[in-house]
Amino acid sequence: MKVSSFRYSGKYNLFSQFHLFILKTFVLR
């Protein structure tokens, strides 16, 4: 259960980072 939560958190973090990158690029543009 703990491992699953960690894996989910990692996936969510990656998605959030990707979204932030897109948002930053859009604002920069």
Protein backbone atom coordinates (compact mmCIF):
# COMPACT_ATOMS: atom_id res chain seq x y z
CA MET A 1 0.00 0.00 0.00
CA LYS A 2 2.79 2.41 0.93
CA VAL A 3 4.70 1.58 -2.25
CA SER A 4 1.56 2.11 -4.35
CA SER A 5 1.03 5.51 -2.73
CA PHE A 6 4.65 6.46 -3.42
CA ARG A 7 4.38 5.38 -7.04
CA TYR A 8 1.13 7.34 -7.47
CA SER A 9 2.70 10.40 -5.86
CA GLY A 10 5.68 10.16 -8.21
CA LYS A 11 3.41 9.90 -11.24
CA TYR A 12 1.33 12.85 -10.04
CA ASN A 13 4.48 14.89 -9.40
CA LEU A 14 5.75 14.18 -12.91
CA PHE A 15 2.40 15.22 -14.43
CA SER A 16 2.36 18.38 -12.32
CA GLN A 17 5.90 19.25 -13.40
CA PHE A 18 5.00 18.71 -17.05
CA HIS A 19 1.89 20.88 -16.68
CA LEU A 20 3.96 23.60 -15.00
CA PHE A 21 6.47 23.50 -17.87
CA ILE A 22 3.68 23.98 -20.44
CA LEU A 23 2.13 26.80 -18.43
CA LYS A 24 5.52 28.51 -18.05
CA THR A 25 6.18 28.23 -21.78
CA PHE A 26 2.74 29.65 -22.59
CA VAL A 27 3.28 32.60 -20.25
CA LEU A 28 6.79 33.13 -21.63
CA ARG A 29 5.35 33.21 -25.11
